Amino acid sequence: MKTLPPPWTVTMEASIFTGADCLRCDFLPESHMVATEIRDRRRTLRYRHLLMRQMVQMKNRVSGLLLETGVSHKKQRLHTW
């Protein structure tokens, strides 16, 4: 941004849908949009993060239920991939 001649304005669309709605509605004269490959990778990583979080939650629930009911189990077996 230091190389841009002043005055200049920066806007950022605050949504997960970076389909350039502000540009589409003609609110901005031009817009930079992240490359499709990077957006796809970010989408994949967000989904992977969600799955990993749910997997850990489920393992913790199962472990808690086993401990609560007194069932002996190997923690390593439950928490391996």
PDB file of N, CA and C in Angstrom:
ATOM      1  N   MET A   1       0.825  -1.194   0.000  1.00  0.00           N
ATOM      2  CA  MET A   1       0.000   0.000   0.000  1.00  0.00           C
ATOM      3  C   MET A   1       0.870   1.260   0.000  1.00  0.00           C
ATOM      4  N   LYS A   2       2.108   1.106   0.454  1.00  0.00           N
ATOM      5  CA  LYS A   2       2.987   2.270   0.475  1.00  0.00           C
ATOM      6  C   LYS A   2       3.284   2.791  -0.921  1.00  0.00           C
ATOM      7  N   THR A   3       3.165   1.931  -1.918  1.00  0.00           N
ATOM      8  CA  THR A   3       3.472   2.338  -3.289  1.00  0.00           C
ATOM      9  C   THR A   3       2.309   3.033  -3.983  1.00  0.00           C
ATOM     10  N   LEU A   4       1.129   3.003  -3.385  1.00  0.00           N
ATOM     11  CA  LEU A   4      -0.033   3.650  -3.993  1.00  0.00           C
ATOM     12  C   LEU A   4       0.020   5.153  -3.773  1.00  0.00           C
ATOM     13  N   PRO A   5      -0.317   5.926  -4.788  1.00  0.00           N
ATOM     14  CA  PRO A   5      -0.336   7.379  -4.602  1.00  0.00           C
ATOM     15  C   PRO A   5      -1.557   7.794  -3.782  1.00  0.00           C
ATOM     16  N   PRO A   6      -1.381   8.726  -2.847  1.00  0.00           N
ATOM     17  CA  PRO A   6      -2.527   9.179  -2.058  1.00  0.00           C
ATOM     18  C   PRO A   6      -3.433  10.064  -2.893  1.00  0.00           C
ATOM     19  N   PRO A   7      -4.653  10.276  -2.576  1.00  0.00           N
ATOM     20  CA  PRO A   7      -5.400   9.599  -1.513  1.00  0.00           C
ATOM     21  C   PRO A   7      -5.920   8.249  -1.990  1.00  0.00           C
ATOM     22  N   TRP A   8      -6.028   7.311  -1.062  1.00  0.00           N
ATOM     23  CA  TRP A   8      -6.570   6.003  -1.387  1.00  0.00           C
ATOM     24  C   TRP A   8      -7.424   5.517  -0.234  1.00  0.00           C
ATOM     25  N   THR A   9      -8.342   4.636  -0.534  1.00  0.00           N
ATOM     26  CA  THR A   9      -9.275   4.103   0.451  1.00  0.00           C
ATOM     27  C   THR A   9      -9.210   2.591   0.412  1.00  0.00           C
ATOM     28  N   VAL A  10      -9.276   1.996   1.584  1.00  0.00           N
ATOM     29  CA  VAL A  10      -9.269   0.541   1.694  1.00  0.00           C
ATOM     30  C   VAL A  10     -10.585   0.111   2.317  1.00  0.00           C
ATOM     31  N   THR A  11     -11.193  -0.895   1.747  1.00  0.00           N
ATOM     32  CA  THR A  11     -12.394  -1.482   2.322  1.00  0.00           C
ATOM     33  C   THR A  11     -12.205  -2.983   2.392  1.00  0.00           C
ATOM     34  N   MET A  12     -12.896  -3.589   3.340  1.00  0.00           N
ATOM     35  CA  MET A  12     -12.855  -5.041   3.460  1.00  0.00           C
ATOM     36  C   MET A  12     -14.271  -5.520   3.735  1.00  0.00           C
ATOM     37  N   GLU A  13     -14.709  -6.426   2.935  1.00  0.00           N
ATOM     38  CA  GLU A  13     -16.047  -6.966   3.110  1.00  0.00           C
ATOM     39  C   GLU A  13     -16.016  -7.975   4.243  1.00  0.00           C
ATOM     40  N   ALA A  14     -16.812  -7.748   5.255  1.00  0.00           N
ATOM     41  CA  ALA A  14     -16.770  -8.563   6.464  1.00  0.00           C
ATOM     42  C   ALA A  14     -17.790  -9.693   6.379  1.00  0.00           C
ATOM     43  N   SER A  15     -17.497 -10.664   5.549  1.00  0.00           N
ATOM     44  CA  SER A  15     -18.340 -11.845   5.472  1.00  0.00           C
ATOM     45  C   SER A  15     -17.497 -12.992   4.962  1.00  0.00           C
ATOM     46  N   ILE A  16     -18.005 -14.207   5.135  1.00  0.00           N
ATOM     47  CA  ILE A  16     -17.261 -15.345   4.632  1.00  0.00           C
ATOM     48  C   ILE A  16     -17.504 -15.541   3.140  1.00  0.00           C
ATOM     49  N   PHE A  17     -18.438 -14.807   2.604  1.00  0.00           N
ATOM     50  CA  PHE A  17     -18.735 -14.911   1.182  1.00  0.00           C
ATOM     51  C   PHE A  17     -17.967 -13.820   0.448  1.00  0.00           C
ATOM     52  N   THR A  18     -16.768 -14.141  -0.002  1.00  0.00           N
ATOM     53  CA  THR A  18     -15.925 -13.142  -0.646  1.00  0.00           C
ATOM     54  C   THR A  18     -16.200 -13.079  -2.136  1.00  0.00           C
ATOM     55  N   GLY A  19     -17.448 -13.198  -2.525  1.00  0.00           N
ATOM     56  CA  GLY A  19     -17.827 -13.119  -3.922  1.00  0.00           C
ATOM     57  C   GLY A  19     -17.898 -11.689  -4.414  1.00  0.00           C
ATOM     58  N   ALA A  20     -17.253 -10.745  -3.683  1.00  0.00           N
ATOM     59  CA  ALA A  20     -17.182  -9.316  -4.056  1.00  0.00           C
ATOM     60  C   ALA A  20     -18.561  -8.707  -4.217  1.00  0.00           C
ATOM     61  N   ASP A  21     -19.420  -8.839  -3.175  1.00  0.00           N
ATOM     62  CA  ASP A  21     -20.756  -8.245  -3.212  1.00  0.00           C
ATOM     63  C   ASP A  21     -20.707  -6.725  -3.346  1.00  0.00           C
ATOM     64  N   CYS A  22     -19.738  -6.100  -2.689  1.00  0.00           N
ATOM     65  CA  CYS A  22     -19.638  -4.638  -2.802  1.00  0.00           C
ATOM     66  C   CYS A  22     -19.328  -4.222  -4.234  1.00  0.00           C
ATOM     67  N   LEU A  23     -18.477  -4.979  -4.890  1.00  0.00           N
ATOM     68  CA  LEU A  23     -18.152  -4.686  -6.282  1.00  0.00           C
ATOM     69  C   LEU A  23     -19.364  -4.976  -7.180  1.00  0.00           C
ATOM     70  N   ARG A  24     -20.028  -6.084  -6.892  1.00  0.00           N
ATOM     71  CA  ARG A  24     -21.195  -6.466  -7.699  1.00  0.00           C
ATOM     72  C   ARG A  24     -22.296  -5.412  -7.604  1.00  0.00           C
ATOM     73  N   CYS A  25     -22.462  -4.827  -6.420  1.00  0.00           N
ATOM     74  CA  CYS A  25     -23.493  -3.805  -6.223  1.00  0.00           C
ATOM     75  C   CYS A  25     -23.014  -2.420  -6.652  1.00  0.00           C
ATOM     76  N   ASP A  26     -21.808  -2.363  -7.192  1.00  0.00           N
ATOM     77  CA  ASP A  26     -21.223  -1.122  -7.687  1.00  0.00           C
ATOM     78  C   ASP A  26     -20.977  -0.106  -6.571  1.00  0.00           C
ATOM     79  N   PHE A  27     -20.629  -0.594  -5.381  1.00  0.00           N
ATOM     80  CA  PHE A  27     -20.256   0.292  -4.282  1.00  0.00           C
ATOM     81  C   PHE A  27     -18.786   0.687  -4.371  1.00  0.00           C
ATOM     82  N   LEU A  28     -17.988  -0.119  -5.064  1.00  0.00           N
ATOM     83  CA  LEU A  28     -16.554   0.131  -5.192  1.00  0.00           C
ATOM     84  C   LEU A  28     -16.185   0.190  -6.670  1.00  0.00           C
ATOM     85  N   PRO A  29     -15.240   1.061  -7.017  1.00  0.00           N
ATOM     86  CA  PRO A  29     -14.852   1.137  -8.423  1.00  0.00           C
ATOM     87  C   PRO A  29     -14.054  -0.073  -8.888  1.00  0.00           C
ATOM     88  N   GLU A  30     -13.198  -0.620  -8.047  1.00  0.00           N
ATOM     89  CA  GLU A  30     -12.473  -1.838  -8.396  1.00  0.00           C
ATOM     90  C   GLU A  30     -12.143  -2.578  -7.109  1.00  0.00           C
ATOM     91  N   SER A  31     -11.823  -3.825  -7.253  1.00  0.00           N
ATOM     92  CA  SER A  31     -11.646  -4.636  -6.061  1.00  0.00           C
ATOM     93  C   SER A  31     -10.591  -5.704  -6.313  1.00  0.00           C
ATOM     94  N   HIS A  32      -9.875  -6.042  -5.248  1.00  0.00           N
ATOM     95  CA  HIS A  32      -8.940  -7.170  -5.301  1.00  0.00           C
ATOM     96  C   HIS A  32      -9.613  -8.348  -4.623  1.00  0.00           C
ATOM     97  N   MET A  33      -9.578  -9.472  -5.267  1.00  0.00           N
ATOM     98  CA  MET A  33     -10.164 -10.668  -4.695  1.00  0.00           C
ATOM     99  C   MET A  33      -9.100 -11.748  -4.675  1.00  0.00           C
ATOM    100  N   VAL A  34      -9.036 -12.476  -3.587  1.00  0.00           N
ATOM    101  CA  VAL A  34      -8.061 -13.546  -3.451  1.00  0.00           C
ATOM    102  C   VAL A  34      -8.311 -14.584  -4.544  1.00  0.00           C
ATOM    103  N   ALA A  35      -7.248 -15.203  -5.006  1.00  0.00           N
ATOM    104  CA  ALA A  35      -7.346 -16.184  -6.079  1.00  0.00           C
ATOM    105  C   ALA A  35      -8.263 -17.344  -5.687  1.00  0.00           C
ATOM    106  N   THR A  36      -8.874 -17.944  -6.675  1.00  0.00           N
ATOM    107  CA  THR A  36      -9.809 -19.043  -6.447  1.00  0.00           C
ATOM    108  C   THR A  36      -9.147 -20.195  -5.712  1.00  0.00           C
ATOM    109  N   GLU A  37      -7.905 -20.500  -6.049  1.00  0.00           N
ATOM    110  CA  GLU A  37      -7.201 -21.606  -5.391  1.00  0.00           C
ATOM    111  C   GLU A  37      -7.050 -21.353  -3.901  1.00  0.00           C
ATOM    112  N   ILE A  38      -6.728 -20.119  -3.530  1.00  0.00           N
ATOM    113  CA  ILE A  38      -6.562 -19.787  -2.108  1.00  0.00           C
ATOM    114  C   ILE A  38      -7.902 -19.823  -1.398  1.00  0.00           C
ATOM    115  N   ARG A  39      -8.964 -19.301  -2.041  1.00  0.00           N
ATOM    116  CA  ARG A  39     -10.297 -19.371  -1.419  1.00  0.00           C
ATOM    117  C   ARG A  39     -10.729 -20.811  -1.219  1.00  0.00           C
ATOM    118  N   ASP A  40     -10.471 -21.658  -2.206  1.00  0.00           N
ATOM    119  CA  ASP A  40     -10.824 -23.078  -2.073  1.00  0.00           C
ATOM    120  C   ASP A  40     -10.043 -23.738  -0.949  1.00  0.00           C
ATOM    121  N   ARG A  41      -8.758 -23.415  -0.854  1.00  0.00           N
ATOM    122  CA  ARG A  41      -7.943 -23.983   0.219  1.00  0.00           C
ATOM    123  C   ARG A  41      -8.425 -23.519   1.582  1.00  0.00           C
ATOM    124  N   ARG A  42      -8.780 -22.251   1.696  1.00  0.00           N
ATOM    125  CA  ARG A  42      -9.307 -21.732   2.968  1.00  0.00           C
ATOM    126  C   ARG A  42     -10.606 -22.433   3.336  1.00  0.00           C
ATOM    127  N   ARG A  43     -11.472 -22.647   2.350  1.00  0.00           N
ATOM    128  CA  ARG A  43     -12.741 -23.343   2.602  1.00  0.00           C
ATOM    129  C   ARG A  43     -12.472 -24.764   3.099  1.00  0.00           C
ATOM    130  N   THR A  44     -11.533 -25.444   2.451  1.00  0.00           N
ATOM    131  CA  THR A  44     -11.182 -26.804   2.863  1.00  0.00           C
ATOM    132  C   THR A  44     -10.620 -26.821   4.269  1.00  0.00           C
ATOM    133  N   LEU A  45      -9.760 -25.863   4.593  1.00  0.00           N
ATOM    134  CA  LEU A  45      -9.169 -25.807   5.932  1.00  0.00           C
ATOM    135  C   LEU A  45     -10.210 -25.479   7.000  1.00  0.00           C
ATOM    136  N   ARG A  46     -11.166 -24.595   6.665  1.00  0.00           N
ATOM    137  CA  ARG A  46     -12.242 -24.309   7.630  1.00  0.00           C
ATOM    138  C   ARG A  46     -13.053 -25.577   7.914  1.00  0.00           C
ATOM    139  N   TYR A  47     -13.357 -26.336   6.871  1.00  0.00           N
ATOM    140  CA  TYR A  47     -14.122 -27.569   7.036  1.00  0.00           C
ATOM    141  C   TYR A  47     -13.309 -28.603   7.822  1.00  0.00           C
ATOM    142  N   ARG A  48     -12.016 -28.714   7.530  1.00  0.00           N
ATOM    143  CA  ARG A  48     -11.151 -29.639   8.263  1.00  0.00           C
ATOM    144  C   ARG A  48     -11.090 -29.262   9.740  1.00  0.00           C
ATOM    145  N   HIS A  49     -10.984 -27.961  10.017  1.00  0.00           N
ATOM    146  CA  HIS A  49     -10.957 -27.496  11.409  1.00  0.00           C
ATOM    147  C   HIS A  49     -12.248 -27.877  12.132  1.00  0.00           C
ATOM    148  N   LEU A  50     -13.375 -27.711  11.463  1.00  0.00           N
ATOM    149  CA  LEU A  50     -14.659 -28.089  12.042  1.00  0.00           C
ATOM    150  C   LEU A  50     -14.691 -29.584  12.359  1.00  0.00           C
ATOM    151  N   LEU A  51     -14.264 -30.412  11.402  1.00  0.00           N
ATOM    152  CA  LEU A  51     -14.269 -31.861  11.620  1.00  0.00           C
ATOM    153  C   LEU A  51     -13.336 -32.269  12.753  1.00  0.00           C
ATOM    154  N   MET A  52     -12.158 -31.658  12.804  1.00  0.00           N
ATOM    155  CA  MET A  52     -11.206 -31.985  13.867  1.00  0.00           C
ATOM    156  C   MET A  52     -11.776 -31.617  15.237  1.00  0.00           C
ATOM    157  N   ARG A  53     -12.396 -30.441  15.325  1.00  0.00           N
ATOM    158  CA  ARG A  53     -12.984 -30.009  16.597  1.00  0.00           C
ATOM    159  C   ARG A  53     -14.100 -30.959  17.035  1.00  0.00           C
ATOM    160  N   GLN A  54     -14.954 -31.360  16.083  1.00  0.00           N
ATOM    161  CA  GLN A  54     -16.035 -32.283  16.419  1.00  0.00           C
ATOM    162  C   GLN A  54     -15.491 -33.651  16.818  1.00  0.00           C
ATOM    163  N   MET A  55     -14.428 -34.094  16.173  1.00  0.00           N
ATOM    164  CA  MET A  55     -13.825 -35.378  16.504  1.00  0.00           C
ATOM    165  C   MET A  55     -13.272 -35.368  17.929  1.00  0.00           C
ATOM    166  N   VAL A  56     -12.588 -34.304  18.292  1.00  0.00           N
ATOM    167  CA  VAL A  56     -12.038 -34.199  19.646  1.00  0.00           C
ATOM    168  C   VAL A  56     -13.166 -34.140  20.666  1.00  0.00           C
ATOM    169  N   GLN A  57     -14.217 -33.394  20.383  1.00  0.00           N
ATOM    170  CA  GLN A  57     -15.356 -33.320  21.299  1.00  0.00           C
ATOM    171  C   GLN A  57     -15.982 -34.692  21.509  1.00  0.00           C
ATOM    172  N   MET A  58     -16.144 -35.447  20.442  1.00  0.00           N
ATOM    173  CA  MET A  58     -16.758 -36.770  20.545  1.00  0.00           C
ATOM    174  C   MET A  58     -15.872 -37.722  21.339  1.00  0.00           C
ATOM    175  N   LYS A  59     -14.576 -37.678  21.087  1.00  0.00           N
ATOM    176  CA  LYS A  59     -13.659 -38.536  21.848  1.00  0.00           C
ATOM    177  C   LYS A  59     -13.693 -38.184  23.331  1.00  0.00           C
ATOM    178  N   ASN A  60     -13.765 -36.901  23.644  1.00  0.00           N
ATOM    179  CA  ASN A  60     -13.842 -36.488  25.039  1.00  0.00           C
ATOM    180  C   ASN A  60     -15.152 -36.928  25.685  1.00  0.00           C
ATOM    181  N   ARG A  61     -16.241 -36.870  24.939  1.00  0.00           N
ATOM    182  CA  ARG A  61     -17.538 -37.333  25.469  1.00  0.00           C
ATOM    183  C   ARG A  61     -17.508 -38.834  25.743  1.00  0.00           C
ATOM    184  N   VAL A  62     -16.986 -39.592  24.794  1.00  0.00           N
ATOM    185  CA  VAL A  62     -16.905 -41.040  24.974  1.00  0.00           C
ATOM    186  C   VAL A  62     -16.019 -41.368  26.168  1.00  0.00           C
ATOM    187  N   SER A  63     -14.880 -40.689  26.262  1.00  0.00           N
ATOM    188  CA  SER A  63     -13.976 -40.915  27.387  1.00  0.00           C
ATOM    189  C   SER A  63     -14.667 -40.581  28.710  1.00  0.00           C
ATOM    190  N   GLY A  64     -15.408 -39.474  28.743  1.00  0.00           N
ATOM    191  CA  GLY A  64     -16.137 -39.089  29.952  1.00  0.00           C
ATOM    192  C   GLY A  64     -17.197 -40.108  30.331  1.00  0.00           C
ATOM    193  N   LEU A  65     -17.928 -40.606  29.340  1.00  0.00           N
ATOM    194  CA  LEU A  65     -18.947 -41.621  29.618  1.00  0.00           C
ATOM    195  C   LEU A  65     -18.321 -42.910  30.143  1.00  0.00           C
ATOM    196  N   LEU A  66     -17.200 -43.298  29.540  1.00  0.00           N
ATOM    197  CA  LEU A  66     -16.530 -44.510  30.010  1.00  0.00           C
ATOM    198  C   LEU A  66     -16.027 -44.339  31.439  1.00  0.00           C
ATOM    199  N   LEU A  67     -15.475 -43.172  31.749  1.00  0.00           N
ATOM    200  CA  LEU A  67     -15.003 -42.925  33.112  1.00  0.00           C
ATOM    201  C   LEU A  67     -16.169 -42.859  34.095  1.00  0.00           C
ATOM    202  N   GLU A  68     -17.256 -42.241  33.676  1.00  0.00           N
ATOM    203  CA  GLU A  68     -18.434 -42.089  34.534  1.00  0.00           C
ATOM    204  C   GLU A  68     -19.048 -43.436  34.892  1.00  0.00           C
ATOM    205  N   THR A  69     -19.071 -44.345  33.938  1.00  0.00           N
ATOM    206  CA  THR A  69     -19.690 -45.648  34.179  1.00  0.00           C
ATOM    207  C   THR A  69     -18.703 -46.682  34.723  1.00  0.00           C
ATOM    208  N   GLY A  70     -17.444 -46.300  34.824  1.00  0.00           N
ATOM    209  CA  GLY A  70     -16.459 -47.205  35.407  1.00  0.00           C
ATOM    210  C   GLY A  70     -15.932 -48.259  34.453  1.00  0.00           C
ATOM    211  N   VAL A  71     -16.125 -48.078  33.187  1.00  0.00           N
ATOM    212  CA  VAL A  71     -15.635 -49.032  32.197  1.00  0.00           C
ATOM    213  C   VAL A  71     -14.141 -48.798  31.992  1.00  0.00           C
ATOM    214  N   SER A  72     -13.369 -49.873  32.103  1.00  0.00           N
ATOM    215  CA  SER A  72     -11.931 -49.719  31.879  1.00  0.00           C
ATOM    216  C   SER A  72     -11.660 -49.670  30.378  1.00  0.00           C
ATOM    217  N   HIS A  73     -10.781 -48.777  30.021  1.00  0.00           N
ATOM    218  CA  HIS A  73     -10.434 -48.614  28.612  1.00  0.00           C
ATOM    219  C   HIS A  73      -9.019 -48.063  28.504  1.00  0.00           C
ATOM    220  N   LYS A  74      -8.447 -48.253  27.345  1.00  0.00           N
ATOM    221  CA  LYS A  74      -7.117 -47.717  27.092  1.00  0.00           C
ATOM    222  C   LYS A  74      -7.267 -46.339  26.456  1.00  0.00           C
ATOM    223  N   LYS A  75      -6.743 -45.322  27.121  1.00  0.00           N
ATOM    224  CA  LYS A  75      -6.859 -43.964  26.589  1.00  0.00           C
ATOM    225  C   LYS A  75      -6.158 -43.827  25.247  1.00  0.00           C
ATOM    226  N   GLN A  76      -5.043 -44.508  25.075  1.00  0.00           N
ATOM    227  CA  GLN A  76      -4.308 -44.426  23.811  1.00  0.00           C
ATOM    228  C   GLN A  76      -5.142 -44.937  22.646  1.00  0.00           C
ATOM    229  N   ARG A  77      -5.913 -45.986  22.906  1.00  0.00           N
ATOM    230  CA  ARG A  77      -6.731 -46.546  21.835  1.00  0.00           C
ATOM    231  C   ARG A  77      -7.844 -45.593  21.431  1.00  0.00           C
ATOM    232  N   LEU A  78      -8.383 -44.864  22.385  1.00  0.00           N
ATOM    233  CA  LEU A  78      -9.448 -43.920  22.101  1.00  0.00           C
ATOM    234  C   LEU A  78      -8.928 -42.669  21.387  1.00  0.00           C
ATOM    235  N   HIS A  79      -7.733 -42.254  21.721  1.00  0.00           N
ATOM    236  CA  HIS A  79      -7.221 -40.992  21.197  1.00  0.00           C
ATOM    237  C   HIS A  79      -6.172 -41.167  20.104  1.00  0.00           C
ATOM    238  N   THR A  80      -6.242 -42.258  19.378  1.00  0.00           N
ATOM    239  CA  THR A  80      -5.355 -42.412  18.220  1.00  0.00           C
ATOM    240  C   THR A  80      -6.140 -42.124  16.956  1.00  0.00           C
ATOM    241  N   TRP A  81      -5.455 -41.872  15.895  1.00  0.00           N
ATOM    242  CA  TRP A  81      -6.097 -41.586  14.620  1.00  0.00           C
ATOM    243  C   TRP A  81      -6.467 -42.868  14.019  1.00  0.00           C
TER     244      TRP A  81
END
